[in-house]
Structures are given as C-alpha cells and as structure tokens.
Protein backbone atom coordinates (compact mmCIF):
# COMPACT_ATOMS: atom_id res chain seq x y z
CA MET A 1 96.43 117.66 106.75
CA ILE A 2 96.71 119.20 109.65
CA PHE A 3 97.41 123.24 110.27
CA ASN A 4 99.38 124.28 112.87
CA LYS A 5 98.57 127.30 114.43
CA ARG A 6 101.63 127.66 116.08
CA ALA A 7 105.07 129.01 114.52
CA ARG A 8 104.43 128.16 111.07
CA LYS A 9 101.33 126.74 109.09
CA SER A 10 102.08 123.35 108.29
CA TRP A 11 99.53 120.60 106.69
CA TYR A 12 99.89 116.90 106.47
CA THR A 13 98.50 113.92 104.95
CA VAL A 14 97.43 110.55 105.30
CA GLY A 15 98.11 108.60 102.42
CA VAL A 16 98.52 108.26 99.33
CA GLY A 17 94.50 110.18 98.66
CA VAL A 18 96.35 113.88 98.61
CA ARG A 19 96.07 113.32 94.15
CA GLN A 20 92.05 112.54 94.14
CA THR A 21 91.75 114.43 97.89
CA VAL A 22 92.71 117.92 96.45
CA GLY A 23 94.25 116.99 92.93
CA LEU A 24 97.96 118.17 92.01
CA LYS A 25 96.57 122.21 91.18
CA GLY A 26 95.22 122.62 94.77
CA THR A 27 98.31 119.99 95.92
CA ASN A 28 100.37 122.35 94.70
CA GLU A 29 98.22 125.86 95.83
CA LEU A 30 98.84 124.55 98.77
CA SER A 31 102.78 123.06 99.46
CA LYS A 32 103.52 126.69 97.83
CA LYS A 33 102.04 127.55 101.68
CA TYR A 34 102.46 124.70 103.75
CA PRO A 35 104.40 121.34 104.19
CA LEU A 36 102.80 118.84 103.45
CA PHE A 37 103.87 115.09 104.90
CA ILE A 38 101.83 111.45 103.85
CA VAL A 39 101.57 109.19 106.67
CA SER A 40 100.47 105.98 105.61
CA ASN A 41 100.38 102.22 106.47
CA GLY A 42 101.73 101.41 103.92
CA PRO A 43 105.85 100.01 103.55
CA THR A 44 108.76 102.61 102.90
CA GLU A 45 109.24 101.25 99.17
CA TYR A 46 105.87 102.04 98.30
CA LEU A 47 105.65 105.40 99.39
CA GLN A 48 108.50 106.44 98.12
CA ALA A 49 107.69 104.23 94.54
CA ILE A 50 104.58 106.53 94.15
CA VAL A 51 106.01 109.90 95.22
CA GLU A 52 108.35 109.26 92.37
CA THR A 53 105.98 108.08 90.43
CA TYR A 54 103.44 110.83 90.65
CA ASN A 55 106.27 113.38 90.75
CA LEU A 56 104.68 114.13 94.07
CA ASP A 57 108.31 115.05 95.69
CA ARG A 58 107.85 119.43 94.82
CA PHE A 59 105.07 119.17 96.73
CA ILE A 60 105.32 116.51 99.88
CA GLN A 61 107.92 116.91 102.48
CA ASN A 62 108.33 113.84 104.22
CA THR A 63 106.70 110.81 103.93
CA TYR A 64 106.05 108.07 107.04
CA SER A 65 105.65 104.52 107.09
CA ASN A 66 103.73 102.79 109.58
CA GLN A 67 107.79 100.60 109.73
CA LEU A 68 108.83 103.58 112.04
CA ILE A 69 107.13 102.53 114.93
CA ARG A 70 106.80 99.48 115.95
CA SER A 71 103.72 99.23 117.73
CA GLY A 72 101.98 99.63 113.72
CA HIS A 73 99.44 101.75 114.88
CA LYS A 74 98.72 104.60 112.64
CA SER A 75 97.63 106.60 116.20
CA ASP A 76 100.99 106.39 117.36
CA LEU A 77 102.61 107.56 113.59
CA VAL A 78 100.42 110.60 113.27
CA GLU A 79 101.47 111.29 117.35
CA MET A 80 105.21 110.73 116.26
CA VAL A 81 104.71 112.64 113.39
CA LYS A 82 102.76 115.60 114.96
CA ASN A 83 105.17 116.17 117.62
CA LYS A 84 108.45 115.70 114.93
CA ASN A 85 107.39 117.93 113.61
CA GLN A 86 105.94 121.11 115.68
CA ILE A 87 102.00 120.52 114.45
CA GLY A 88 99.55 121.54 116.90
CA LYS A 89 96.53 121.72 116.38
CA GLY A 90 95.07 120.92 112.41
CA TYR A 91 93.10 118.11 110.05
CA VAL A 92 93.80 115.02 109.70
CA VAL A 93 92.32 113.95 105.74
CA GLY A 94 91.59 110.46 104.91
CA HIS A 95 88.98 107.63 104.54
CA ARG A 96 90.19 104.62 106.86
CA SER A 97 89.14 104.17 109.69
CA SER A 98 92.64 104.25 111.18
CA ASP A 99 92.73 108.60 109.78
CA ILE A 100 89.70 108.88 111.74
CA SER A 101 90.99 106.65 114.80
CA ALA A 102 94.45 108.93 114.68
CA ALA A 103 93.54 112.08 114.14
CA LYS A 104 90.71 111.64 117.04
CA ASP A 105 93.64 110.22 118.95
CA ASN A 106 96.16 112.93 118.43
CA GLU A 107 93.17 116.09 118.96
CA LEU A 108 93.32 116.74 115.51
CA LEU A 109 89.90 116.98 112.84
CA PRO A 110 89.56 114.39 110.25
CA LEU A 111 87.92 115.30 107.23
CA VAL A 112 87.00 112.40 105.25
C-alpha cells in the first residue's frame, strides 16, 4: 500500500492479497479513506476475474497488470502507477521478492 502525503492520501495494494492482508472489513474501512489499487504480475483478465468474483470493485479504484508495461518488471509497473496517481511516499504490501524490490526501487516502504 502506498500512503501519499501530497495532495490527498492514497493507498495502493500489490497483488490480490488485499483480502488476506486486511480482511474485507479492513479493506472497506481503508477504501473509505484512501483510493486502493491492485498491481500484479497476473494477466489483466485474471485480475478482472478476481475483482468481480470477490466484489472488490466496491473497494478498488483500478487494477494494473504487468501486461501494461514492456519490461515486465513490477518495479516499472509500480513506478507507472505511482506517477499516474501522483502517489508520494508510502508502502507496498506484498510477500514476493518482486513486491519488496518494487517498493525499494520506487522509494516506498515494503510491508510483508
């Protein structure tokens, strides 16, 4: 998750683990205060199916797949999301090494 101290506060979620990370009640509370995003190495169709299956569209502002970038590196995708949504300092929640690297590469704090 990314906490944006500029303009308005934002949260950003890496992967589809948001339900496991904070649960639906926690996700609902966060989504009332902060825009939430899913950023994943998974294909766009897979991410959309997850959002629809679990009704996450009520919490999630947008999903971003690695298919959106040429390099295929999560760090580049996080950079794109960060720039597009004017996100400043914050956190990336994820358990994979690519999540941790993406956080560090973009001057964000990884939460595992």
